[in-house]
């Protein structure tokens, strides 16, 4: 049995957790990075500063002392040369603790963190044993990946997604225009009126979808005084149409593989409920683990050590 301390310092959230390989998560805490009103994110230099400040208070309520190993998110994704300064904060803390106490240290990508958290909290851990499709749909990323089991739990190969802005950027830019606080996803969902359309047409190139034109359309609707509910419904219909269309397309190429949905945008209940009604074999993370978290990192570490209990 091990207790694993994990860090994830993404562009929007400072996260840490302790994962017990028999009991699951026994402690966790997250602090959102503040974003100025009217802004759609923060600069990396500001994110680094806030992570350092947040880590001063993140552990105020921690009661675990018997930690056996340390792990952290080291980079955004599995792609070559993937790098973002904010992840160096969590890595530095993890390395320091590892060195001070002589504990083994592990590191993984933020994207694998999301995928693993979705597999375990979504009750889909068994799909890690065979090839599957994974979606990471968040504030900064819209990636579709083909994953396969390997010595590092599973491999990740990007096969599609966004060719320009992410779904999260589309949502946040539209929400900011409408006067919502950042991040805007929950406000877009709350204000959406009626059922979502699934017939939005896309410009697609070899599995990659263009979304910036839909931002222009939302802005046009806003200046034409369309209702907030109508604009919100339109934006979510774009995301829904992308998910349904792309899953159908990739399954034609790779077969009827199971699909794992992760990332903050996929915490949207209206979207997830609609997708599950339309398609089978699609699994979603527990909503709070769709958002940025450190649990997936700890679960990856437990799996690498052969100690994953499947609880959370």
Protein backbone atom coordinates (compact mmCIF):
# COMPACT_ATOMS: atom_id res chain seq x y z
CA UNK A 1 0.00 0.00 0.00
CA UNK A 2 1.25 3.49 -0.87
CA UNK A 3 0.17 7.05 -0.31
CA UNK A 4 0.97 9.27 -3.26
CA UNK A 5 1.24 13.07 -3.17
CA UNK A 6 0.44 14.59 -6.58
CA UNK A 7 0.70 18.11 -8.04
CA UNK A 8 -0.87 19.67 -11.12
CA UNK A 9 -0.21 23.35 -11.84
CA UNK A 10 -2.17 24.11 -14.99
CA UNK A 11 -2.86 27.47 -16.58
CA UNK A 12 -6.01 27.93 -14.48
CA UNK A 13 -5.80 25.86 -11.28
CA UNK A 14 -3.30 24.92 -8.58
CA UNK A 15 -4.14 21.33 -7.58
CA UNK A 16 -2.78 18.72 -5.19
CA UNK A 17 -4.06 15.45 -3.78
CA UNK A 18 -3.08 12.44 -1.71
CA UNK A 19 -4.10 9.11 -3.19
CA UNK A 20 -4.17 6.01 -1.04
CA UNK A 21 -3.75 2.88 -3.15
CA UNK A 22 -6.27 1.03 -1.01
CA UNK A 23 -8.79 3.74 -0.12
CA UNK A 24 -8.55 6.14 -3.08
CA UNK A 25 -8.32 9.93 -2.65
CA UNK A 26 -7.92 10.79 1.04
CA UNK A 27 -7.17 14.51 0.63
CA UNK A 28 -7.27 17.07 -2.16
CA UNK A 29 -7.41 20.79 -2.65
CA UNK A 30 -7.59 23.14 -5.62
CA UNK A 31 -7.30 26.91 -5.94
CA UNK A 32 -8.40 28.70 -9.09
CA UNK A 33 -6.06 31.31 -10.54
CA UNK A 34 -7.84 34.70 -10.59
CA UNK A 35 -8.70 36.22 -13.96
CA UNK A 36 -9.45 39.92 -14.43
CA UNK A 37 -13.00 40.83 -15.41
CA UNK A 38 -13.42 40.80 -19.17
CA UNK A 39 -10.30 38.70 -19.73
CA UNK A 40 -10.27 35.13 -21.12
CA UNK A 41 -7.25 33.82 -19.26
CA UNK A 42 -3.91 34.80 -17.77
CA UNK A 43 -0.37 35.22 -19.01
CA UNK A 44 2.04 32.42 -18.18
CA UNK A 45 4.14 34.72 -15.99
CA UNK A 46 1.05 35.55 -13.95
CA UNK A 47 0.06 31.88 -13.73
CA UNK A 48 3.50 30.99 -12.37
CA UNK A 49 3.28 33.76 -9.76
CA UNK A 50 -0.18 32.65 -8.59
CA UNK A 51 0.84 28.99 -8.39
CA UNK A 52 3.72 29.91 -6.09
CA UNK A 53 1.37 32.00 -3.91
CA UNK A 54 -1.36 29.34 -3.94
CA UNK A 55 1.02 26.59 -2.85
CA UNK A 56 1.73 28.57 0.33
CA UNK A 57 -1.86 27.93 1.52
CA UNK A 58 -2.88 24.86 -0.46
CA UNK A 59 -1.79 22.50 2.31
CA UNK A 60 -3.32 24.34 5.28
CA UNK A 61 -5.80 21.51 5.92
CA UNK A 62 -3.66 18.51 5.00
CA UNK A 63 -3.49 15.78 7.64
CA UNK A 64 -1.47 13.13 5.79
CA UNK A 65 2.15 12.60 6.79
CA UNK A 66 2.92 9.05 5.66
CA UNK A 67 3.65 9.82 2.00
CA UNK A 68 5.50 7.11 0.03
CA UNK A 69 6.09 8.81 -3.31
CA UNK A 70 5.61 12.08 -5.23
CA UNK A 71 4.35 12.87 -8.72
CA UNK A 72 3.49 15.91 -10.85
CA UNK A 73 2.36 17.10 -14.26
CA UNK A 74 5.48 18.04 -16.20
CA UNK A 75 4.03 19.41 -19.47
CA UNK A 76 0.72 20.03 -21.28
CA UNK A 77 0.63 16.99 -23.58
CA UNK A 78 2.52 14.00 -24.98
CA UNK A 79 3.59 15.88 -28.10
CA UNK A 80 7.32 16.39 -28.65
CA UNK A 81 8.69 19.56 -27.02
CA UNK A 82 5.40 20.17 -25.19
CA UNK A 83 6.13 22.86 -22.61
CA UNK A 84 4.35 25.48 -20.51
CA UNK A 85 6.08 27.43 -17.70
CA UNK A 86 3.24 26.97 -15.20
CA UNK A 87 3.95 23.24 -14.91
CA UNK A 88 7.48 23.93 -13.69
CA UNK A 89 6.01 25.14 -10.37
CA UNK A 90 4.42 21.82 -9.46
CA UNK A 91 7.44 19.92 -10.75
CA UNK A 92 9.79 22.04 -8.63
CA UNK A 93 7.79 21.45 -5.45
CA UNK A 94 7.59 17.74 -6.19
CA UNK A 95 11.32 17.45 -6.88
CA UNK A 96 12.17 19.37 -3.70
CA UNK A 97 9.99 17.14 -1.51
CA UNK A 98 11.32 14.05 -3.25
CA UNK A 99 14.93 15.09 -2.61
CA UNK A 100 14.37 16.18 1.00
CA UNK A 101 12.64 12.97 2.05
CA UNK A 102 14.29 10.50 -0.32
CA UNK A 103 10.99 9.55 -1.96
CA UNK A 104 10.64 8.25 -5.53
CA UNK A 105 9.28 10.77 -8.02
CA UNK A 106 7.17 10.28 -11.16
CA UNK A 107 5.91 12.73 -13.78
CA UNK A 108 3.32 12.65 -16.57
CA UNK A 109 1.62 15.04 -18.97
CA UNK A 110 -1.38 17.13 -17.95
CA UNK A 111 -3.31 15.51 -20.79
CA UNK A 112 -2.67 11.96 -19.55
CA UNK A 113 -3.75 13.21 -16.14
CA UNK A 114 -7.16 14.15 -17.58
CA UNK A 115 -7.52 10.88 -19.47
CA UNK A 116 -6.66 8.75 -16.43
CA UNK A 117 -8.98 10.71 -14.13
CA UNK A 118 -11.79 10.21 -16.66
CA UNK A 119 -11.15 6.47 -16.94
CA UNK A 120 -11.22 5.84 -13.19
CA UNK A 121 -13.93 8.29 -12.09
CA UNK A 122 -16.05 7.49 -15.15
CA UNK A 123 -16.12 3.78 -14.31
CA UNK A 124 -14.22 2.95 -17.48
CA UNK A 125 -10.90 1.71 -16.13
CA UNK A 126 -11.16 -1.53 -18.11
CA UNK A 127 -10.95 0.29 -21.46
CA UNK A 128 -7.30 1.07 -20.67
CA UNK A 129 -6.54 -2.57 -21.49
CA UNK A 130 -7.35 -2.11 -25.20
CA UNK A 131 -7.21 0.67 -27.81
CA UNK A 132 -9.67 3.53 -27.25
CA UNK A 133 -10.37 7.06 -28.42
CA UNK A 134 -9.85 9.93 -25.97
CA UNK A 135 -11.11 13.51 -26.16
CA UNK A 136 -9.53 16.33 -24.19
CA UNK A 137 -11.88 19.31 -24.53
CA UNK A 138 -10.90 22.19 -22.28
CA UNK A 139 -10.17 25.90 -22.06
CA UNK A 140 -6.97 25.61 -24.04
CA UNK A 141 -7.21 22.25 -25.80
CA UNK A 142 -9.48 20.35 -28.17
CA UNK A 143 -7.63 17.15 -29.02
CA UNK A 144 -8.80 13.75 -30.24
CA UNK A 145 -6.37 10.93 -29.51
CA UNK A 146 -5.94 7.27 -30.28
CA UNK A 147 -4.71 5.55 -27.11
CA UNK A 148 -3.29 2.06 -26.69
CA UNK A 149 -1.98 0.12 -23.68
CA UNK A 150 1.80 0.14 -23.27
CA UNK A 151 4.51 0.08 -20.60
CA UNK A 152 3.59 3.68 -19.63
CA UNK A 153 -0.03 2.60 -18.91
CA UNK A 154 -1.23 3.87 -22.30
CA UNK A 155 0.23 5.69 -25.29
CA UNK A 156 -1.32 8.80 -26.78
CA UNK A 157 -1.37 9.69 -30.49
CA UNK A 158 -3.15 12.87 -31.58
CA UNK A 159 -5.36 12.15 -34.61
CA UNK A 160 -7.60 15.21 -34.75
CA UNK A 161 -9.31 18.02 -32.90
CA UNK A 162 -9.23 21.76 -33.41
CA UNK A 163 -7.30 23.41 -36.22
CA UNK A 164 -7.59 26.86 -34.63
CA UNK A 165 -9.25 27.89 -31.36
CA UNK A 166 -10.39 25.30 -28.82
CA UNK A 167 -13.99 24.61 -27.80
CA UNK A 168 -13.17 26.14 -24.41
CA UNK A 169 -11.92 29.32 -26.05
CA UNK A 170 -15.08 29.51 -28.15
CA UNK A 171 -17.18 29.20 -24.98
CA UNK A 172 -15.11 31.62 -22.90
CA UNK A 173 -14.80 34.29 -25.59
CA UNK A 174 -18.53 34.17 -26.21
CA UNK A 175 -19.30 34.17 -22.49
CA UNK A 176 -17.01 37.13 -21.88
CA UNK A 177 -18.78 39.01 -24.68
CA UNK A 178 -22.07 38.29 -22.91
CA UNK A 179 -20.68 39.62 -19.63
CA UNK A 180 -20.17 36.30 -17.82
CA UNK A 181 -17.28 35.75 -15.36
CA UNK A 182 -14.38 33.57 -16.50
CA UNK A 183 -14.44 30.60 -16.85
CA UNK A 184 -17.78 30.94 -18.62
CA UNK A 185 -18.87 27.34 -19.19
CA UNK A 186 -21.36 27.00 -16.33
CA UNK A 187 -23.01 30.30 -17.24
CA UNK A 188 -23.33 29.32 -20.89
CA UNK A 189 -24.94 26.04 -19.81
CA UNK A 190 -27.32 27.74 -17.37
CA UNK A 191 -28.49 30.28 -19.94
CA UNK A 192 -28.87 27.87 -22.88
CA UNK A 193 -32.51 27.55 -23.91
CA UNK A 194 -34.16 24.45 -25.35
CA UNK A 195 -32.61 21.33 -26.82
CA UNK A 196 -29.30 21.49 -28.65
CA UNK A 197 -28.99 21.17 -32.41
CA UNK A 198 -26.63 18.52 -33.77
CA UNK A 199 -26.45 19.55 -37.43
CA UNK A 200 -23.87 22.36 -37.40
CA UNK A 201 -21.60 22.08 -40.45
CA UNK A 202 -17.83 22.31 -40.15
CA UNK A 203 -14.79 22.95 -42.28
CA UNK A 204 -12.75 19.77 -41.74
CA UNK A 205 -9.26 18.84 -42.90
CA UNK A 206 -8.01 15.32 -42.15
CA UNK A 207 -9.71 15.08 -38.75
CA UNK A 208 -9.13 18.70 -37.71
CA UNK A 209 -12.07 21.08 -37.29
CA UNK A 210 -12.21 24.87 -37.54
CA UNK A 211 -14.06 26.75 -34.77
CA UNK A 212 -13.09 30.42 -35.18
CA UNK A 213 -15.90 31.04 -37.68
CA UNK A 214 -18.44 30.12 -35.00
CA UNK A 215 -16.98 32.78 -32.72
CA UNK A 216 -17.58 35.30 -35.51
CA UNK A 217 -21.16 34.04 -35.86
CA UNK A 218 -21.78 34.38 -32.11
CA UNK A 219 -20.45 37.94 -32.19
CA UNK A 220 -22.73 38.71 -35.14
CA UNK A 221 -25.71 37.31 -33.22
CA UNK A 222 -24.77 39.46 -30.23
CA UNK A 223 -24.62 42.68 -32.27
CA UNK A 224 -27.93 41.73 -33.92
CA UNK A 225 -29.42 41.68 -30.41
CA UNK A 226 -30.18 37.97 -30.39
CA UNK A 227 -31.10 36.73 -26.93
CA UNK A 228 -28.45 35.48 -24.54
CA UNK A 229 -30.22 32.11 -24.41
CA UNK A 230 -30.18 31.77 -28.19
CA UNK A 231 -26.46 32.59 -28.40
CA UNK A 232 -25.60 30.15 -25.60
CA UNK A 233 -27.67 27.42 -27.23
CA UNK A 234 -25.88 28.02 -30.53
CA UNK A 235 -22.41 27.74 -28.98
CA UNK A 236 -23.22 24.49 -27.17
CA UNK A 237 -24.80 23.14 -30.36
CA UNK A 238 -21.47 23.75 -32.12
CA UNK A 239 -19.64 21.70 -29.49
CA UNK A 240 -22.26 18.93 -29.55
CA UNK A 241 -22.16 18.73 -33.36
CA UNK A 242 -18.36 18.50 -33.29
CA UNK A 243 -18.40 15.66 -30.76
CA UNK A 244 -21.07 13.63 -32.55
CA UNK A 245 -19.66 14.22 -36.03
CA UNK A 246 -16.05 13.49 -35.08
CA UNK A 247 -16.82 10.32 -33.10
CA UNK A 248 -18.76 8.95 -36.06
CA UNK A 249 -15.90 9.85 -38.43
CA UNK A 250 -13.11 8.37 -36.30
CA UNK A 251 -15.08 5.20 -35.61
CA UNK A 252 -15.37 4.69 -39.37
CA UNK A 253 -11.57 4.74 -39.57
CA UNK A 254 -10.59 2.95 -36.34
CA UNK A 255 -13.63 0.79 -35.66
CA UNK A 256 -16.24 0.97 -32.90
CA UNK A 257 -13.77 1.85 -30.17
CA UNK A 258 -14.92 3.08 -26.75
CA UNK A 259 -14.53 6.83 -26.23
CA UNK A 260 -13.30 8.60 -23.11
CA UNK A 261 -14.30 12.25 -22.65
CA UNK A 262 -12.21 14.57 -20.45
CA UNK A 263 -11.49 18.25 -19.93
CA UNK A 264 -13.46 21.11 -18.40
CA UNK A 265 -15.91 21.52 -21.28
CA UNK A 266 -17.01 17.92 -20.77
CA UNK A 267 -18.22 18.72 -17.23
CA UNK A 268 -21.23 20.32 -18.96
CA UNK A 269 -24.20 18.13 -17.99
CA UNK A 270 -26.36 19.26 -20.91
CA UNK A 271 -23.67 18.17 -23.37
CA UNK A 272 -22.78 14.91 -21.61
CA UNK A 273 -26.42 13.84 -21.15
CA UNK A 274 -27.20 14.55 -24.82
CA UNK A 275 -24.12 12.68 -26.07
CA UNK A 276 -24.87 9.64 -23.89
CA UNK A 277 -28.43 9.57 -25.25
CA UNK A 278 -27.16 9.55 -28.84
CA UNK A 279 -24.14 7.25 -28.64
CA UNK A 280 -23.09 4.08 -26.84
CA UNK A 281 -19.63 3.30 -25.51
CA UNK A 282 -18.88 6.91 -24.53
CA UNK A 283 -17.64 7.53 -20.97
CA UNK A 284 -17.33 10.78 -19.03
CA UNK A 285 -15.29 11.71 -15.99
CA UNK A 286 -17.09 12.53 -12.78
CA UNK A 287 -17.82 16.26 -13.47
CA UNK A 288 -15.42 17.66 -10.86
CA UNK A 289 -12.66 15.47 -12.31
CA UNK A 290 -13.33 16.77 -15.82
CA UNK A 291 -11.96 20.03 -14.46
CA UNK A 292 -8.24 20.47 -13.78
CA UNK A 293 -7.14 18.22 -10.93
CA UNK A 294 -4.18 16.28 -9.54
CA UNK A 295 -6.06 13.00 -9.05
CA UNK A 296 -5.28 11.63 -12.51
CA UNK A 297 -1.55 12.15 -11.93
CA UNK A 298 -1.73 10.19 -8.68
CA UNK A 299 -3.73 7.43 -10.38
CA UNK A 300 -1.15 7.19 -13.18
CA UNK A 301 1.57 6.85 -10.56
CA UNK A 302 -0.39 4.15 -8.71
CA UNK A 303 -0.93 2.27 -11.97
CA UNK A 304 2.77 2.45 -12.88
CA UNK A 305 3.58 1.03 -9.45
CA UNK A 306 0.99 -1.74 -9.94
CA UNK A 307 -1.13 -0.43 -7.07
CA UNK A 308 -4.15 1.29 -8.67
CA UNK A 309 -7.24 0.39 -6.63
CA UNK A 310 -9.81 1.89 -9.02
CA UNK A 311 -11.43 3.96 -6.23
CA UNK A 312 -11.60 7.71 -6.05
